[in-house]
Amino acid sequence: MTDRLRIIVAGVALAVCAGATAATGTQAADLAAGEKRYNVNCVNCHGKAGQGMASFPALKGREAAYIAEKLQTYRAREMVGPNSAIMMSLSSDLTDEDIANLAAYIADRFQ
């Protein structure tokens, strides 16, 4: 096998491995875990259909990145609106994985 052929084979092998990692992801969001957390932490204020209630905004149509950013902001104890105190309390124990799961669930469920 020539050096050039070895390089091509190695490149193809790396591309296949990288594609497999990208397809499976290092940590795919768990929608079932996101739903469970939503039903415990979020449903009373944001509603079963993500429609929002009173001063709590609708989540319908929000991108996962937007939801994750907001949850991270509240977890960092930053005031960003009238319901910040409640949101900071509810998000204080969320892990990065919890946030990813919640954000994925909300974006998927309430399109």
Protein backbone atom coordinates (compact mmCIF):
# COMPACT_ATOMS: atom_id res chain seq x y z
CA MET A 1 0.00 0.00 0.00
CA THR A 2 1.41 3.36 -0.97
CA ASP A 3 1.70 6.27 1.43
CA ARG A 4 -0.94 8.16 -0.50
CA LEU A 5 -3.41 5.27 -0.25
CA ARG A 6 -2.72 4.94 3.49
CA ILE A 7 -3.51 8.62 3.97
CA ILE A 8 -6.76 8.27 2.03
CA VAL A 9 -7.80 5.19 4.02
CA ALA A 10 -6.95 6.92 7.30
CA GLY A 11 -8.92 10.00 6.25
CA VAL A 12 -11.97 7.93 5.36
CA ALA A 13 -11.74 6.05 8.66
CA LEU A 14 -11.57 9.33 10.59
CA ALA A 15 -14.52 10.73 8.67
CA VAL A 16 -16.60 7.64 9.41
CA CYS A 17 -15.73 7.80 13.11
CA ALA A 18 -16.50 11.52 13.29
CA GLY A 19 -19.83 10.95 11.54
CA ALA A 20 -20.78 8.22 13.98
CA THR A 21 -19.97 10.47 16.94
CA ALA A 22 -21.96 13.34 15.46
CA ALA A 23 -24.93 11.11 14.71
CA THR A 24 -25.15 9.63 18.17
CA GLY A 25 -23.85 12.70 19.99
CA THR A 26 -21.91 12.58 23.19
CA GLN A 27 -25.10 13.22 25.09
CA ALA A 28 -28.43 13.24 23.30
CA ALA A 29 -31.25 15.06 25.04
CA ASP A 30 -33.65 12.79 26.91
CA LEU A 31 -37.16 13.98 26.04
CA ALA A 32 -38.80 11.70 28.61
CA ALA A 33 -36.61 13.15 31.37
CA GLY A 34 -37.38 16.66 30.08
CA GLU A 35 -41.11 15.93 30.18
CA LYS A 36 -40.87 14.58 33.72
CA ARG A 37 -38.99 17.66 34.92
CA TYR A 38 -41.41 19.97 33.06
CA ASN A 39 -44.38 18.35 34.79
CA VAL A 40 -42.74 18.86 38.20
CA ASN A 41 -41.18 22.31 37.79
CA CYS A 42 -42.89 24.16 34.95
CA VAL A 43 -46.44 23.04 34.22
CA ASN A 44 -48.12 25.00 37.04
CA CYS A 45 -47.03 28.35 35.62
CA HIS A 46 -46.43 27.70 31.91
CA GLY A 47 -49.34 25.30 31.39
CA LYS A 48 -49.78 21.79 30.01
CA ALA A 49 -49.59 23.08 26.45
CA GLY A 50 -46.84 25.64 27.11
CA GLN A 51 -49.39 28.40 26.59
CA GLY A 52 -48.33 30.45 29.62
CA MET A 53 -50.59 31.73 32.37
CA ALA A 54 -51.08 35.17 33.91
CA SER A 55 -47.62 36.80 34.00
CA PHE A 56 -45.80 33.60 32.99
CA PRO A 57 -44.89 33.63 29.29
CA ALA A 58 -45.86 31.07 26.71
CA LEU A 59 -43.13 28.62 25.77
CA LYS A 60 -44.81 27.58 22.53
CA GLY A 61 -42.61 28.20 19.51
CA ARG A 62 -39.40 28.78 21.47
CA GLU A 63 -36.14 27.28 20.24
CA ALA A 64 -34.24 24.89 22.52
CA ALA A 65 -31.24 27.24 22.55
CA TYR A 66 -33.41 30.11 23.81
CA ILE A 67 -34.92 27.98 26.60
CA ALA A 68 -31.50 26.66 27.63
CA GLU A 69 -30.02 30.17 27.70
CA LYS A 70 -32.85 31.46 29.90
CA LEU A 71 -32.59 28.53 32.31
CA GLN A 72 -28.83 28.99 32.59
CA THR A 73 -29.35 32.70 33.28
CA TYR A 74 -31.84 31.97 36.06
CA ARG A 75 -29.62 29.23 37.49
CA ALA A 76 -26.81 31.82 37.62
CA ARG A 77 -29.20 33.94 39.74
CA GLU A 78 -29.50 36.78 37.23
CA MET A 79 -32.64 38.92 37.35
CA VAL A 80 -34.18 39.18 33.88
CA GLY A 81 -37.87 39.77 34.45
CA PRO A 82 -40.76 39.98 36.90
CA ASN A 83 -40.73 36.25 37.66
CA SER A 84 -36.97 35.97 38.17
CA ALA A 85 -37.18 35.06 41.86
CA ILE A 86 -39.45 32.10 41.14
CA MET A 87 -37.40 30.99 38.15
CA MET A 88 -34.12 31.27 40.09
CA SER A 89 -35.58 29.09 42.83
CA LEU A 90 -36.88 26.46 40.41
CA SER A 91 -33.69 26.34 38.34
CA SER A 92 -31.14 26.39 41.16
CA ASP A 93 -30.76 22.60 41.27
CA LEU A 94 -30.85 22.01 37.50
CA THR A 95 -27.80 20.33 36.01
CA ASP A 96 -26.59 21.05 32.48
CA GLU A 97 -28.18 17.74 31.50
CA ASP A 98 -31.52 18.76 33.08
CA ILE A 99 -31.43 22.03 31.16
CA ALA A 100 -30.65 20.27 27.87
CA ASN A 101 -33.47 17.78 28.46
CA LEU A 102 -35.98 20.48 29.40
CA ALA A 103 -35.04 22.71 26.49
CA ALA A 104 -35.27 19.83 24.00
CA TYR A 105 -38.62 18.70 25.40
CA ILE A 106 -40.13 22.20 25.34
CA ALA A 107 -38.90 22.93 21.81
CA ASP A 108 -40.13 19.55 20.56
CA ARG A 109 -43.46 19.43 22.39
CA PHE A 110 -44.59 23.03 22.01
CA GLN A 111 -43.62 23.81 18.40
